[in-house]
Every structure is written in C-alpha cells, then in structure tokens.
C-alpha cells in the first residue's frame, strides 16, 4: 500500500468515527429534549391544577363558609356595632 492509500484510509476512519460521534450526540440531545418536553407537560398540568384550586378557594361562598365554620365569625348587626367617640 502506498502512502496516499493509507492517508485516505485514515481520513475515512476519522470521518466514520466523527459520524458515529455526531449521531450519538444527536441521540442524547433528542432524549434530553423529550425529557424536557415531558417535564414541561407535567409542569403545565400542575399549573392548571393550581389555577383551578385558586379559583375555587377564592370564591366568596367558600370564604364565607370558612369564616363561619372554622373561624366562628358571624355577620355584623347594628346591635353588635360599637361606635367610639374621639375625645379631645
């Protein structure tokens, strides 16, 4: 074998190895992208669930029920109102 044939063989081997390396990198990036998209979908579902819970918890009926039942609050009546006068 002459020198040109060995050089071309070496270049062919280098090109083949670089192709394999590039394909491996592409596969790793694709897997990483897929995992990131799955995580994005999960986070989006969590966000929608939290928005739904926030809407339910902020409804006035829910607030009124919590105030009455858990905090034992009752509505204001004129008989229970205490007026304070400022003394100078």
N, C-alpha and C. Protein backbone atom coordinates (compact mmCIF):
# COMPACT_ATOMS: atom_id res chain seq x y z
N UNK A 1 0.84 -1.18 0.00
CA UNK A 1 0.00 0.00 0.00
C UNK A 1 0.89 1.25 0.00
N UNK A 2 0.48 2.15 -0.76
CA UNK A 2 1.28 3.37 -0.81
C UNK A 2 0.77 4.38 0.22
N UNK A 3 1.45 5.47 0.29
CA UNK A 3 1.18 6.49 1.29
C UNK A 3 -0.20 7.13 1.08
N UNK A 4 -0.61 7.39 -0.13
CA UNK A 4 -1.90 8.03 -0.43
C UNK A 4 -3.06 7.13 0.03
N UNK A 5 -2.92 5.85 -0.19
CA UNK A 5 -3.98 4.92 0.22
C UNK A 5 -4.11 4.89 1.74
N UNK A 6 -3.00 4.89 2.42
CA UNK A 6 -3.05 4.90 3.90
C UNK A 6 -3.63 6.21 4.41
N UNK A 7 -3.31 7.31 3.78
CA UNK A 7 -3.85 8.61 4.19
C UNK A 7 -5.36 8.63 3.98
N UNK A 8 -5.81 8.18 2.82
CA UNK A 8 -7.24 8.14 2.56
C UNK A 8 -7.96 7.19 3.51
N UNK A 9 -7.34 6.07 3.84
CA UNK A 9 -7.93 5.13 4.78
C UNK A 9 -8.05 5.76 6.17
N UNK A 10 -7.01 6.50 6.57
CA UNK A 10 -7.04 7.18 7.87
C UNK A 10 -8.13 8.26 7.88
N UNK A 11 -8.23 9.02 6.79
CA UNK A 11 -9.28 10.04 6.70
C UNK A 11 -10.67 9.41 6.73
N UNK A 12 -10.84 8.31 6.04
CA UNK A 12 -12.12 7.61 6.04
C UNK A 12 -12.47 7.12 7.44
N UNK A 13 -11.50 6.59 8.15
CA UNK A 13 -11.72 6.13 9.52
C UNK A 13 -12.09 7.29 10.44
N UNK A 14 -11.41 8.41 10.29
CA UNK A 14 -11.71 9.61 11.11
C UNK A 14 -13.11 10.11 10.81
N UNK A 15 -13.47 10.16 9.53
CA UNK A 15 -14.82 10.60 9.14
C UNK A 15 -15.88 9.67 9.71
N UNK A 16 -15.64 8.37 9.65
CA UNK A 16 -16.60 7.41 10.18
C UNK A 16 -16.77 7.57 11.69
N UNK A 17 -15.66 7.76 12.39
CA UNK A 17 -15.74 7.95 13.85
C UNK A 17 -16.45 9.27 14.19
N UNK A 18 -16.18 10.31 13.42
CA UNK A 18 -16.86 11.58 13.70
C UNK A 18 -18.35 11.48 13.41
N UNK A 19 -18.73 10.71 12.38
CA UNK A 19 -20.14 10.49 12.09
C UNK A 19 -20.83 9.75 13.24
N UNK A 20 -20.19 8.72 13.76
CA UNK A 20 -20.75 7.97 14.88
C UNK A 20 -20.89 8.88 16.10
N UNK A 21 -19.89 9.69 16.35
CA UNK A 21 -19.93 10.62 17.48
C UNK A 21 -21.06 11.63 17.32
N UNK A 22 -21.22 12.16 16.12
CA UNK A 22 -22.29 13.13 15.86
C UNK A 22 -23.66 12.49 16.04
N UNK A 23 -23.84 11.27 15.58
CA UNK A 23 -25.12 10.59 15.75
C UNK A 23 -25.40 10.32 17.23
N UNK A 24 -24.39 9.96 17.96
CA UNK A 24 -24.57 9.71 19.39
C UNK A 24 -24.98 11.00 20.10
N UNK A 25 -24.33 12.11 19.76
CA UNK A 25 -24.69 13.41 20.35
C UNK A 25 -26.12 13.78 20.00
N UNK A 26 -26.49 13.54 18.75
CA UNK A 26 -27.86 13.85 18.32
C UNK A 26 -28.88 13.02 19.09
N UNK A 27 -28.58 11.76 19.32
CA UNK A 27 -29.49 10.90 20.09
C UNK A 27 -29.62 11.39 21.52
N UNK A 28 -28.49 11.76 22.13
CA UNK A 28 -28.54 12.27 23.51
C UNK A 28 -29.35 13.55 23.59
N UNK A 29 -29.16 14.44 22.62
CA UNK A 29 -29.93 15.69 22.61
C UNK A 29 -31.41 15.43 22.40
N UNK A 30 -31.74 14.45 21.55
CA UNK A 30 -33.14 14.13 21.33
C UNK A 30 -33.78 13.57 22.61
N UNK A 31 -33.07 12.70 23.30
CA UNK A 31 -33.59 12.15 24.56
C UNK A 31 -33.75 13.26 25.59
N UNK A 32 -32.77 14.16 25.65
CA UNK A 32 -32.85 15.28 26.58
C UNK A 32 -34.03 16.19 26.25
N UNK A 33 -34.25 16.45 24.97
CA UNK A 33 -35.38 17.27 24.55
C UNK A 33 -36.70 16.59 24.91
N UNK A 34 -36.80 15.30 24.69
CA UNK A 34 -38.01 14.56 25.02
C UNK A 34 -38.30 14.62 26.51
N UNK A 35 -37.28 14.44 27.31
CA UNK A 35 -37.48 14.53 28.78
C UNK A 35 -37.92 15.93 29.19
N UNK A 36 -37.33 16.95 28.58
CA UNK A 36 -37.71 18.32 28.90
C UNK A 36 -39.16 18.60 28.51
N UNK A 37 -39.59 18.05 27.37
CA UNK A 37 -40.97 18.24 26.95
C UNK A 37 -41.94 17.52 27.89
N UNK A 38 -41.56 16.34 28.34
CA UNK A 38 -42.41 15.62 29.31
C UNK A 38 -42.51 16.42 30.61
N UNK A 39 -41.40 16.96 31.07
CA UNK A 39 -41.41 17.77 32.29
C UNK A 39 -42.25 19.04 32.08
N UNK A 40 -42.15 19.63 30.89
CA UNK A 40 -42.96 20.82 30.60
C UNK A 40 -44.45 20.49 30.68
N UNK A 41 -44.85 19.35 30.12
CA UNK A 41 -46.26 18.95 30.18
C UNK A 41 -46.71 18.74 31.61
N UNK A 42 -45.87 18.10 32.42
CA UNK A 42 -46.23 17.88 33.83
C UNK A 42 -46.37 19.21 34.57
N UNK A 43 -45.42 20.12 34.34
CA UNK A 43 -45.49 21.43 35.00
C UNK A 43 -46.71 22.21 34.54
N UNK A 44 -47.05 22.09 33.27
CA UNK A 44 -48.23 22.78 32.76
C UNK A 44 -49.50 22.22 33.41
N UNK A 45 -49.56 20.90 33.57
CA UNK A 45 -50.72 20.29 34.24
C UNK A 45 -50.80 20.75 35.69
N UNK A 46 -49.65 20.82 36.38
CA UNK A 46 -49.64 21.31 37.76
C UNK A 46 -50.11 22.75 37.83
N UNK A 47 -49.67 23.56 36.88
CA UNK A 47 -50.05 24.98 36.85
C UNK A 47 -51.57 25.11 36.66
N UNK A 48 -52.13 24.34 35.73
CA UNK A 48 -53.57 24.40 35.51
C UNK A 48 -54.34 23.93 36.73
N UNK A 49 -53.84 22.89 37.39
CA UNK A 49 -54.49 22.39 38.61
C UNK A 49 -54.45 23.45 39.71
N UNK A 50 -53.31 24.11 39.85
CA UNK A 50 -53.19 25.14 40.89
C UNK A 50 -54.08 26.34 40.58
N UNK A 51 -54.18 26.72 39.32
CA UNK A 51 -55.09 27.81 38.96
C UNK A 51 -56.54 27.44 39.28
N UNK A 52 -56.90 26.20 39.00
CA UNK A 52 -58.26 25.74 39.31
C UNK A 52 -58.51 25.79 40.82
N UNK A 53 -57.56 25.29 41.59
CA UNK A 53 -57.71 25.33 43.05
C UNK A 53 -57.79 26.75 43.56
N UNK A 54 -57.00 27.64 42.98
CA UNK A 54 -57.03 29.04 43.41
C UNK A 54 -58.39 29.67 43.12
N UNK A 55 -58.94 29.38 41.96
CA UNK A 55 -60.27 29.91 41.64
C UNK A 55 -61.31 29.38 42.62
N UNK A 56 -61.22 28.10 42.95
CA UNK A 56 -62.20 27.53 43.89
C UNK A 56 -62.03 28.09 45.29
N UNK A 57 -60.79 28.28 45.70
CA UNK A 57 -60.57 28.78 47.06
C UNK A 57 -60.89 30.25 47.19
N UNK A 58 -60.90 30.97 46.09
CA UNK A 58 -61.15 32.41 46.19
C UNK A 58 -62.61 32.77 45.97
N UNK A 59 -63.46 31.80 45.77
CA UNK A 59 -64.89 32.10 45.61
C UNK A 59 -65.44 32.64 46.92
N UNK A 60 -66.34 33.61 46.80
CA UNK A 60 -66.86 34.26 48.01
C UNK A 60 -67.65 33.29 48.89
N UNK A 61 -68.34 32.34 48.27
CA UNK A 61 -69.09 31.37 49.09
C UNK A 61 -68.14 30.54 49.93
N UNK A 62 -67.03 30.15 49.36
CA UNK A 62 -66.02 29.37 50.10
C UNK A 62 -65.45 30.20 51.24
N UNK A 63 -65.16 31.45 50.97
CA UNK A 63 -64.62 32.33 52.01
C UNK A 63 -65.64 32.51 53.13
N UNK A 64 -66.90 32.69 52.76
CA UNK A 64 -67.95 32.85 53.76
C UNK A 64 -68.09 31.59 54.63
N UNK A 65 -68.05 30.42 54.00
CA UNK A 65 -68.14 29.17 54.76
C UNK A 65 -66.97 28.99 55.73
N UNK A 66 -65.77 29.28 55.28
CA UNK A 66 -64.60 29.16 56.16
C UNK A 66 -64.71 30.15 57.31
N UNK A 67 -65.15 31.37 57.01
CA UNK A 67 -65.29 32.38 58.07
C UNK A 67 -66.31 31.94 59.11
N UNK A 68 -67.40 31.38 58.67
CA UNK A 68 -68.44 30.98 59.62
C UNK A 68 -68.08 29.71 60.37
N UNK A 69 -67.60 28.71 59.67
CA UNK A 69 -67.39 27.40 60.30
C UNK A 69 -66.07 27.30 61.04
N UNK A 70 -64.98 27.66 60.41
CA UNK A 70 -63.68 27.45 61.04
C UNK A 70 -63.30 28.60 61.98
N UNK A 71 -63.67 29.82 61.60
CA UNK A 71 -63.30 30.97 62.43
C UNK A 71 -64.42 31.43 63.35
N UNK A 72 -65.58 30.78 63.27
CA UNK A 72 -66.76 31.13 64.08
C UNK A 72 -67.10 32.62 63.98
N UNK A 73 -67.02 33.16 62.79
CA UNK A 73 -67.38 34.56 62.58
C UNK A 73 -68.87 34.62 62.24
N UNK A 74 -69.52 35.70 62.69
CA UNK A 74 -70.94 35.88 62.38
C UNK A 74 -71.10 37.26 61.73
N UNK A 75 -72.17 37.42 60.95
CA UNK A 75 -72.35 38.72 60.27
C UNK A 75 -72.57 39.85 61.27
N UNK A 76 -72.23 41.03 60.86
CA UNK A 76 -72.39 42.22 61.70
C UNK A 76 -73.86 42.63 61.74
N UNK A 77 -74.31 42.99 62.92
CA UNK A 77 -75.66 43.53 63.08
C UNK A 77 -75.53 44.89 63.76
N UNK A 78 -76.51 45.74 63.59
CA UNK A 78 -76.42 47.06 64.24
C UNK A 78 -76.35 46.98 65.77
N UNK A 79 -76.94 45.93 66.35
CA UNK A 79 -76.89 45.80 67.82
C UNK A 79 -75.48 45.50 68.31
N UNK A 80 -74.69 44.84 67.49
CA UNK A 80 -73.33 44.46 67.89
C UNK A 80 -72.29 45.51 67.54
N UNK A 81 -72.70 46.55 66.84
CA UNK A 81 -71.75 47.57 66.40
C UNK A 81 -71.41 48.48 67.57
N UNK A 82 -70.16 48.72 67.74
CA UNK A 82 -69.69 49.59 68.81
C UNK A 82 -69.10 50.84 68.18
N UNK A 83 -69.66 51.98 68.53
CA UNK A 83 -69.19 53.25 67.98
C UNK A 83 -68.32 53.94 69.03
N UNK A 84 -67.18 54.38 68.63
CA UNK A 84 -66.25 55.05 69.53
C UNK A 84 -66.21 56.52 69.20
N UNK A 85 -66.18 57.33 70.24
CA UNK A 85 -66.07 58.77 70.04
C UNK A 85 -64.69 59.20 70.44
N UNK A 86 -64.20 60.10 69.65
CA UNK A 86 -62.86 60.61 69.93
C UNK A 86 -62.98 61.74 70.93
N UNK A 87 -62.19 61.67 71.98
CA UNK A 87 -62.19 62.72 72.99
C UNK A 87 -60.96 63.57 72.81
N UNK A 88 -61.20 64.89 72.94
CA UNK A 88 -60.05 65.80 72.74
C UNK A 88 -59.75 66.58 73.97
